[in-house]
């Protein structure tokens, strides 16, 4: 009887943790979307392991940011867009909403292009019809979200596992890695590497899921300090595991591209080149794993992106439109670009640069709200937490300004 009584608190804690686990895995899919394929593999192919430190640093920053978002939802019972609407003026709220919608379109561009390329590689489907197939399948996945959230999370986790398995298989085909540790030392090699690093940052730290995470955790809001501490502890575990998996995938992308393409004459200017090159250098199994991972990534991230867009509109504007209509609106730019015949690889990299510009617009309000006692109560962030968040926003903003100056001055 004593053993049972001692075990019961542990069982209760495990059950409460299991209830909270899941949101971070939905969020993690956005951190391994097709934009990551483009930026991480382009970085590895062009610069070898040089930019590996960018992925590691961005993954750590992502864990910090997503925990702050999850904490906001648990503590306040509101999501980030709702709190922005309640605490800021209408012009500021409107500006935040507009940029969030632009970010959603850039996100959809990466996801639709990636999934369309994957279907083309696997089955020979032309890019435009492939994008329409992606829309139908992702809409089916998305239909699970409102009423069957656990099932939706399970489907997303399954797709994430396919992406992880695909890149781990490719990495194993490379054999022993030499020189990868040198990539953990911060450094650049010209403006092109800075552009890629900014794109990698935009692909790793995703602004739309900063909004989404607070919405996924607000259902766990409680005023009981003991339960809240337990919930936040479970959220931290959820984030560490899920984003740790995403970090492994991103590192594997760069490592595979560096090991297979850097220093070789193999074409590597497009995802199609990457696919054929992996098949030639590592075998047909590696090429198949790459295409399947790209497809799983595009389908999952597309569903999560549309779900995020709904949270953004409802939170900032108190307006709700059918998910099917939102799906049509946000996928329109991707369909136009595919119809125009724009190079998919270039479109993917540029979409990630656009996403990096959206990070401060989500991160700055998150940091400012987290430091307010009238919002967070006794769970208000410490000064060190606020300073770290502010420093992250400053670094990202500085990179973006640098890119703007270099772009317009040549």
Protein backbone atom coordinates (compact mmCIF):
# COMPACT_ATOMS: atom_id res chain seq x y z
CA UNK A 1 0.00 0.00 0.00
CA UNK A 2 2.87 2.36 0.80
CA UNK A 3 4.39 1.71 -2.63
CA UNK A 4 1.10 2.51 -4.33
CA UNK A 5 0.60 5.70 -2.32
CA UNK A 6 4.15 6.85 -3.11
CA UNK A 7 3.72 6.09 -6.81
CA UNK A 8 0.38 7.86 -7.16
CA UNK A 9 1.81 11.44 -7.14
CA UNK A 10 4.34 10.40 -9.77
CA UNK A 11 1.58 8.87 -11.90
CA UNK A 12 -0.49 12.01 -11.48
CA UNK A 13 2.42 14.18 -12.62
CA UNK A 14 3.03 11.96 -15.64
CA UNK A 15 -0.64 12.10 -16.59
CA UNK A 16 -0.75 15.89 -16.28
CA UNK A 17 2.41 16.13 -18.38
CA UNK A 18 0.91 13.87 -21.05
CA UNK A 19 -2.11 16.17 -21.30
CA UNK A 20 0.13 19.17 -22.02
CA UNK A 21 2.48 17.35 -24.43
CA UNK A 22 1.74 17.80 -28.14
CA UNK A 23 1.57 21.52 -29.03
CA UNK A 24 5.34 21.80 -29.44
CA UNK A 25 5.33 18.95 -31.99
CA UNK A 26 2.75 20.84 -34.06
CA UNK A 27 4.98 23.91 -33.81
CA UNK A 28 8.13 21.89 -34.61
CA UNK A 29 6.84 21.01 -38.07
CA UNK A 30 7.17 24.66 -39.07
CA UNK A 31 10.85 24.46 -38.12
CA UNK A 32 11.50 21.73 -40.72
CA UNK A 33 9.33 23.00 -43.57
CA UNK A 34 10.50 23.01 -47.22
CA UNK A 35 12.10 26.41 -46.70
CA UNK A 36 14.58 24.69 -44.39
CA UNK A 37 15.41 22.23 -47.16
CA UNK A 38 16.26 25.11 -49.48
CA UNK A 39 18.28 27.28 -47.09
CA UNK A 40 20.03 24.57 -45.07
CA UNK A 41 20.97 22.47 -48.09
CA UNK A 42 22.02 25.52 -50.11
CA UNK A 43 24.18 26.60 -47.17
CA UNK A 44 25.79 23.17 -46.87
CA UNK A 45 26.36 22.78 -50.60
CA UNK A 46 27.94 26.23 -51.05
CA UNK A 47 29.80 26.69 -47.78
CA UNK A 48 30.23 23.21 -46.33
CA UNK A 49 29.89 23.15 -42.55
CA UNK A 50 30.56 26.91 -42.20
CA UNK A 51 26.99 27.83 -41.21
CA UNK A 52 26.31 24.88 -38.91
CA UNK A 53 26.56 27.26 -35.93
CA UNK A 54 23.66 29.29 -37.33
CA UNK A 55 21.33 26.27 -37.11
CA UNK A 56 22.48 25.41 -33.57
CA UNK A 57 22.08 29.02 -32.38
CA UNK A 58 18.72 29.43 -34.12
CA UNK A 59 17.44 26.17 -32.59
CA UNK A 60 18.38 27.37 -29.10
CA UNK A 61 16.72 30.73 -29.74
CA UNK A 62 13.62 28.93 -31.04
CA UNK A 63 13.31 26.92 -27.82
CA UNK A 64 13.51 30.10 -25.76
CA UNK A 65 10.93 31.91 -27.90
CA UNK A 66 8.45 29.04 -28.06
CA UNK A 67 8.60 28.58 -24.30
CA UNK A 68 7.79 32.26 -23.81
CA UNK A 69 4.81 31.88 -26.14
CA UNK A 70 3.61 28.70 -24.43
CA UNK A 71 4.01 30.37 -21.03
CA UNK A 72 1.95 33.36 -22.17
CA UNK A 73 -0.95 31.10 -23.10
CA UNK A 74 -0.83 29.05 -19.89
CA UNK A 75 -0.52 32.04 -17.55
CA UNK A 76 -3.00 34.45 -19.17
CA UNK A 77 -5.48 32.19 -20.94
CA UNK A 78 -5.04 34.46 -23.98
CA UNK A 79 -2.96 34.03 -27.10
CA UNK A 80 -0.43 36.57 -28.35
CA UNK A 81 -2.66 38.18 -31.05
CA UNK A 82 -5.52 38.56 -28.54
CA UNK A 83 -3.25 40.26 -26.00
CA UNK A 84 -1.85 42.59 -28.67
CA UNK A 85 -5.40 43.61 -29.59
CA UNK A 86 -6.29 44.21 -25.94
CA UNK A 87 -3.13 46.09 -24.96
CA UNK A 88 -2.11 48.09 -28.05
CA UNK A 89 -3.75 50.79 -30.16
CA UNK A 90 -5.77 49.94 -33.23
CA UNK A 91 -3.13 51.25 -35.70
CA UNK A 92 -0.44 49.11 -34.05
CA UNK A 93 -2.72 46.08 -33.99
CA UNK A 94 -3.62 46.62 -37.64
CA UNK A 95 0.03 46.88 -38.64
CA UNK A 96 0.88 43.69 -36.74
CA UNK A 97 -1.99 41.88 -38.43
CA UNK A 98 -0.98 42.98 -41.95
CA UNK A 99 2.62 41.83 -41.54
CA UNK A 100 1.43 38.55 -39.98
CA UNK A 101 -0.72 37.88 -43.04
CA UNK A 102 2.23 38.61 -45.34
CA UNK A 103 4.30 36.17 -43.30
CA UNK A 104 1.52 33.57 -43.69
CA UNK A 105 1.67 33.97 -47.47
CA UNK A 106 5.47 33.61 -47.48
CA UNK A 107 5.06 30.49 -45.34
CA UNK A 108 2.52 28.99 -47.72
CA UNK A 109 4.79 29.78 -50.64
CA UNK A 110 7.56 27.64 -49.18
CA UNK A 111 5.26 24.80 -48.22
CA UNK A 112 3.33 24.57 -51.48
CA UNK A 113 6.41 24.86 -53.64
CA UNK A 114 8.21 22.21 -51.59
CA UNK A 115 5.34 19.72 -51.62
CA UNK A 116 4.72 20.32 -55.33
CA UNK A 117 8.39 19.64 -56.12
CA UNK A 118 8.23 16.45 -54.03
CA UNK A 119 5.19 15.16 -55.91
CA UNK A 120 6.94 15.97 -59.17
CA UNK A 121 10.04 14.05 -58.07
CA UNK A 122 8.09 11.04 -56.80
CA UNK A 123 5.35 10.71 -59.42
CA UNK A 124 6.19 13.12 -62.24
CA UNK A 125 3.17 15.34 -61.50
CA UNK A 126 3.61 18.85 -63.05
CA UNK A 127 4.19 21.56 -60.43
CA UNK A 128 0.87 23.42 -60.72
CA UNK A 129 -1.39 20.33 -60.45
CA UNK A 130 0.90 19.06 -57.69
CA UNK A 131 0.29 22.28 -55.72
CA UNK A 132 -3.47 21.76 -56.07
CA UNK A 133 -3.11 18.17 -54.79
CA UNK A 134 -1.15 19.56 -51.84
CA UNK A 135 -4.02 21.96 -51.09
CA UNK A 136 -6.58 19.14 -51.03
CA UNK A 137 -4.49 16.82 -48.83
CA UNK A 138 -3.46 19.55 -46.38
CA UNK A 139 -7.11 20.66 -46.13
CA UNK A 140 -8.02 17.11 -45.14
CA UNK A 141 -5.37 17.12 -42.41
CA UNK A 142 -6.48 20.57 -41.29
CA UNK A 143 -10.09 19.40 -40.93
CA UNK A 144 -8.99 17.39 -37.89
CA UNK A 145 -7.71 20.44 -36.02
CA UNK A 146 -10.80 22.13 -34.54
CA UNK A 147 -12.66 19.07 -33.16
CA UNK A 148 -10.05 16.30 -33.06
CA UNK A 149 -6.97 18.12 -31.86
CA UNK A 150 -5.22 15.04 -30.48
CA UNK A 151 -5.72 13.21 -33.79
CA UNK A 152 -4.43 16.26 -35.65
CA UNK A 153 -1.35 16.34 -33.43
CA UNK A 154 -0.79 12.60 -34.01
CA UNK A 155 -0.89 13.03 -37.79
CA UNK A 156 1.57 15.92 -37.58
CA UNK A 157 3.92 13.91 -35.35
CA UNK A 158 3.77 11.03 -37.84
CA UNK A 159 4.75 13.32 -40.72
CA UNK A 160 7.54 14.81 -38.61
CA UNK A 161 8.85 11.28 -37.99
CA UNK A 162 9.01 10.69 -41.76
CA UNK A 163 11.10 13.84 -42.20
CA UNK A 164 13.44 12.82 -39.37
CA UNK A 165 13.79 9.26 -40.66
CA UNK A 166 14.49 10.44 -44.19
CA UNK A 167 17.40 12.68 -43.22
CA UNK A 168 18.86 10.30 -40.67
CA UNK A 169 18.95 7.66 -43.41
CA UNK A 170 20.75 10.05 -45.76
CA UNK A 171 23.21 11.08 -43.06
CA UNK A 172 24.05 7.43 -42.35
CA UNK A 173 24.85 6.89 -46.04
CA UNK A 174 27.59 9.55 -45.82
CA UNK A 175 29.71 7.59 -43.37
CA UNK A 176 32.12 9.32 -40.94
CA UNK A 177 32.02 13.13 -40.95
CA UNK A 178 35.26 15.11 -40.93
CA UNK A 179 35.47 18.80 -40.21
CA UNK A 180 31.87 19.24 -39.06
CA UNK A 181 32.93 20.48 -35.62
CA UNK A 182 34.61 23.50 -37.24
CA UNK A 183 31.17 24.66 -38.33
CA UNK A 184 30.24 25.33 -34.71
CA UNK A 185 32.61 28.32 -34.64
CA UNK A 186 30.70 31.48 -35.67
CA UNK A 187 31.83 33.06 -38.93
CA UNK A 188 30.82 34.11 -42.45
CA UNK A 189 32.37 33.99 -45.91
CA UNK A 190 31.05 37.04 -47.72
CA UNK A 191 27.63 38.61 -48.24
CA UNK A 192 26.17 35.48 -49.84
CA UNK A 193 26.75 33.50 -46.65
CA UNK A 194 25.07 36.26 -44.61
CA UNK A 195 22.03 36.10 -46.93
CA UNK A 196 21.87 32.35 -46.50
CA UNK A 197 22.33 32.66 -42.72
CA UNK A 198 19.43 35.11 -42.53
CA UNK A 199 17.31 32.76 -44.60
CA UNK A 200 18.28 29.87 -42.32
CA UNK A 201 17.29 31.98 -39.32
CA UNK A 202 13.96 32.83 -40.96
CA UNK A 203 13.39 29.15 -41.75
CA UNK A 204 14.26 28.03 -38.21
CA UNK A 205 12.56 30.70 -36.08
CA UNK A 206 9.08 30.94 -37.57
CA UNK A 207 6.96 33.98 -36.63
CA UNK A 208 3.57 32.40 -37.35
CA UNK A 209 4.12 29.61 -34.81
CA UNK A 210 5.12 32.16 -32.17
CA UNK A 211 1.49 33.25 -32.39
CA UNK A 212 0.18 29.69 -32.68
CA UNK A 213 1.94 28.19 -29.66
CA UNK A 214 0.23 30.58 -27.25
CA UNK A 215 -3.13 29.59 -28.75
CA UNK A 216 -2.41 25.86 -28.39
CA UNK A 217 -1.52 26.21 -24.70
CA UNK A 218 -4.16 28.70 -23.58
CA UNK A 219 -6.59 25.83 -23.01
CA UNK A 220 -4.31 24.77 -20.13
CA UNK A 221 -4.72 28.10 -18.34
CA UNK A 222 -5.05 27.83 -14.58
CA UNK A 223 -4.82 30.18 -11.61
CA UNK A 224 -3.62 27.41 -9.27
CA UNK A 225 0.12 28.15 -8.82
CA UNK A 226 1.02 24.48 -8.18
CA UNK A 227 -0.82 23.21 -11.25
CA UNK A 228 0.58 26.09 -13.31
CA UNK A 229 4.17 25.26 -12.35
CA UNK A 230 3.56 21.63 -13.25
CA UNK A 231 2.02 22.65 -16.58
CA UNK A 232 4.90 24.96 -17.44
CA UNK A 233 7.38 22.22 -16.54
CA UNK A 234 5.59 19.83 -18.91
CA UNK A 235 5.58 22.52 -21.62
CA UNK A 236 9.34 22.93 -21.28
CA UNK A 237 9.79 19.18 -21.75
CA UNK A 238 7.45 19.21 -24.74
CA UNK A 239 9.47 22.03 -26.34
CA UNK A 240 12.89 20.53 -25.60
CA UNK A 241 11.94 17.18 -27.13
CA UNK A 242 10.02 18.49 -30.15
CA UNK A 243 12.37 21.29 -31.11
CA UNK A 244 15.34 19.05 -30.30
CA UNK A 245 14.04 16.69 -32.99
CA UNK A 246 13.60 19.63 -35.37
CA UNK A 247 17.16 20.76 -34.61
CA UNK A 248 18.52 17.30 -35.43
CA UNK A 249 16.66 17.37 -38.75
CA UNK A 250 18.02 20.82 -39.64
CA UNK A 251 21.57 19.84 -38.75
CA UNK A 252 21.17 16.67 -40.83
CA UNK A 253 20.02 18.71 -43.83
CA UNK A 254 23.15 20.86 -43.80
CA UNK A 255 25.44 17.93 -43.05
CA UNK A 256 24.00 15.85 -45.89
CA UNK A 257 24.37 18.72 -48.38
CA UNK A 258 27.89 19.56 -47.18
CA UNK A 259 29.03 15.94 -47.28
CA UNK A 260 27.47 15.16 -50.63
CA UNK A 261 27.83 18.37 -52.64
CA UNK A 262 30.42 20.75 -51.18
CA UNK A 263 33.60 20.67 -53.23
CA UNK A 264 32.03 18.46 -55.90
CA UNK A 265 30.99 19.29 -59.47
CA UNK A 266 27.51 17.85 -58.99
CA UNK A 267 24.67 20.30 -59.83
CA UNK A 268 23.07 21.73 -56.66
CA UNK A 269 21.19 24.82 -57.79
CA UNK A 270 17.68 23.40 -57.24
CA UNK A 271 15.82 20.83 -55.19
CA UNK A 272 15.65 18.67 -58.31
CA UNK A 273 19.45 18.86 -58.56
CA UNK A 274 19.75 17.90 -54.90
CA UNK A 275 17.46 14.93 -55.44
CA UNK A 276 19.29 13.60 -58.49
CA UNK A 277 22.69 14.32 -56.93
CA UNK A 278 21.83 12.38 -53.78
CA UNK A 279 20.70 9.50 -55.96
CA UNK A 280 24.00 9.51 -57.87
CA UNK A 281 26.27 10.02 -54.87
CA UNK A 282 24.49 8.10 -52.09
CA UNK A 283 22.20 5.74 -53.97
CA UNK A 284 18.51 5.66 -55.00
CA UNK A 285 17.40 5.06 -51.42
CA UNK A 286 18.79 8.45 -50.38
CA UNK A 287 16.99 10.18 -53.25
CA UNK A 288 13.70 8.49 -52.28
CA UNK A 289 14.19 9.41 -48.62
CA UNK A 290 14.80 13.04 -49.63
CA UNK A 291 11.63 13.24 -51.75
CA UNK A 292 9.43 11.55 -49.12
CA UNK A 293 10.78 13.84 -46.39
CA UNK A 294 10.13 16.89 -48.58
CA UNK A 295 6.55 15.77 -49.25
CA UNK A 296 5.80 15.03 -45.59
CA UNK A 297 7.29 18.38 -44.60
CA UNK A 298 5.23 20.34 -47.13
CA UNK A 299 1.92 18.66 -46.24
CA UNK A 300 2.36 19.01 -42.49
CA UNK A 301 3.71 22.57 -42.53
CA UNK A 302 1.01 23.71 -44.94
CA UNK A 303 -1.71 22.52 -42.55
CA UNK A 304 -0.05 24.13 -39.54
CA UNK A 305 0.50 27.39 -41.44
CA UNK A 306 -3.18 27.75 -42.29
CA UNK A 307 -4.15 26.93 -38.72
CA UNK A 308 -1.79 29.69 -37.54
CA UNK A 309 -3.36 32.14 -39.96
CA UNK A 310 -6.77 31.52 -38.45
CA UNK A 311 -5.41 32.23 -34.96
CA UNK A 312 -3.81 35.46 -36.23
CA UNK A 313 -6.96 36.81 -37.88
CA UNK A 314 -9.28 35.85 -35.03
CA UNK A 315 -6.90 37.24 -32.42
CA UNK A 316 -5.99 40.57 -34.04
CA UNK A 317 -9.34 41.36 -35.68
CA UNK A 318 -11.95 39.22 -33.92
CA UNK A 319 -12.87 37.96 -37.37
CA UNK A 320 -13.16 34.36 -38.43
CA UNK A 321 -13.38 33.04 -41.96
CA UNK A 322 -13.78 29.42 -43.08
CA UNK A 323 -10.48 27.56 -43.14
CA UNK A 324 -11.16 26.53 -46.75
CA UNK A 325 -11.39 30.20 -47.80
CA UNK A 326 -8.22 31.04 -45.89
CA UNK A 327 -6.54 28.10 -47.59
CA UNK A 328 -7.45 29.57 -51.00
CA UNK A 329 -6.29 33.09 -50.12
CA UNK A 330 -2.88 32.18 -48.72
CA UNK A 331 -2.05 29.64 -51.43
CA UNK A 332 -2.77 32.10 -54.26
CA UNK A 333 0.77 33.62 -54.38
CA UNK A 334 2.32 30.14 -54.50
CA UNK A 335 0.09 29.11 -57.40
CA UNK A 336 0.90 32.32 -59.28
CA UNK A 337 4.65 31.79 -58.84
CA UNK A 338 4.44 28.17 -59.97
CA UNK A 339 2.30 29.17 -62.98
CA UNK A 340 4.91 31.81 -63.94
CA UNK A 341 7.67 29.22 -63.93
CA UNK A 342 9.80 30.93 -61.26
CA UNK A 343 12.72 28.80 -60.06
CA UNK A 344 11.34 26.94 -57.00
CA UNK A 345 14.70 26.95 -55.17
CA UNK A 346 15.06 30.73 -55.52
CA UNK A 347 11.45 31.25 -54.42
CA UNK A 348 12.01 29.08 -51.34
CA UNK A 349 15.17 30.90 -50.23
CA UNK A 350 13.60 34.34 -50.72
CA UNK A 351 10.47 33.27 -48.83
CA UNK A 352 12.63 32.44 -45.83
CA UNK A 353 14.28 35.86 -45.96
CA UNK A 354 10.77 37.40 -45.89
CA UNK A 355 9.97 35.25 -42.86
CA UNK A 356 13.05 36.50 -41.03
CA UNK A 357 11.70 40.05 -41.39
CA UNK A 358 8.52 38.96 -39.62
CA UNK A 359 10.29 37.57 -36.54
CA UNK A 360 10.78 40.90 -34.67
CA UNK A 361 7.09 41.82 -35.15
CA UNK A 362 6.11 38.71 -33.19
CA UNK A 363 9.08 38.58 -30.82
CA UNK A 364 9.04 42.21 -29.61
CA UNK A 365 5.38 42.11 -28.41
CA UNK A 366 6.05 38.72 -26.81
CA UNK A 367 8.98 40.14 -24.83
CA UNK A 368 7.15 43.35 -23.88
CA UNK A 369 4.03 41.53 -22.69
CA UNK A 370 6.07 38.96 -20.76
CA UNK A 371 7.71 41.69 -18.66
CA UNK A 372 4.38 43.27 -17.62
CA UNK A 373 3.12 42.29 -14.18
CA UNK A 374 -0.42 43.42 -15.05
CA UNK A 375 -0.41 40.76 -17.79
CA UNK A 376 1.64 37.94 -16.25
CA UNK A 377 1.00 38.44 -12.52
CA UNK A 378 3.52 36.65 -10.33
CA UNK A 379 4.73 34.70 -13.39
CA UNK A 380 6.21 37.87 -14.90
CA UNK A 381 9.55 37.33 -16.65
CA UNK A 382 12.79 38.13 -14.87
CA UNK A 383 14.96 40.97 -16.11
CA UNK A 384 17.54 38.54 -17.54
CA UNK A 385 14.83 36.80 -19.60
CA UNK A 386 13.64 40.13 -20.96
CA UNK A 387 17.17 41.21 -21.83
CA UNK A 388 17.88 37.95 -23.64
CA UNK A 389 14.68 38.25 -25.67
CA UNK A 390 15.46 41.87 -26.51
CA UNK A 391 18.99 40.92 -27.60
CA UNK A 392 17.62 38.20 -29.89
CA UNK A 393 15.19 40.64 -31.50
CA UNK A 394 17.99 43.19 -31.92
CA UNK A 395 20.33 40.72 -33.64
CA UNK A 396 17.62 39.56 -36.04
CA UNK A 397 16.62 43.15 -36.83
CA UNK A 398 20.26 44.13 -37.44
CA UNK A 399 20.70 41.26 -39.89
CA UNK A 400 17.57 42.34 -41.74
CA UNK A 401 18.72 45.97 -41.96
CA UNK A 402 22.10 44.80 -43.25
CA UNK A 403 20.40 42.79 -45.97
CA UNK A 404 18.21 45.72 -46.99
CA UNK A 405 21.20 48.06 -47.26
CA UNK A 406 23.25 45.55 -49.28
CA UNK A 407 20.30 44.76 -51.55
CA UNK A 408 19.56 48.38 -52.46
CA UNK A 409 23.19 49.55 -52.64
CA UNK A 410 24.49 46.55 -54.57
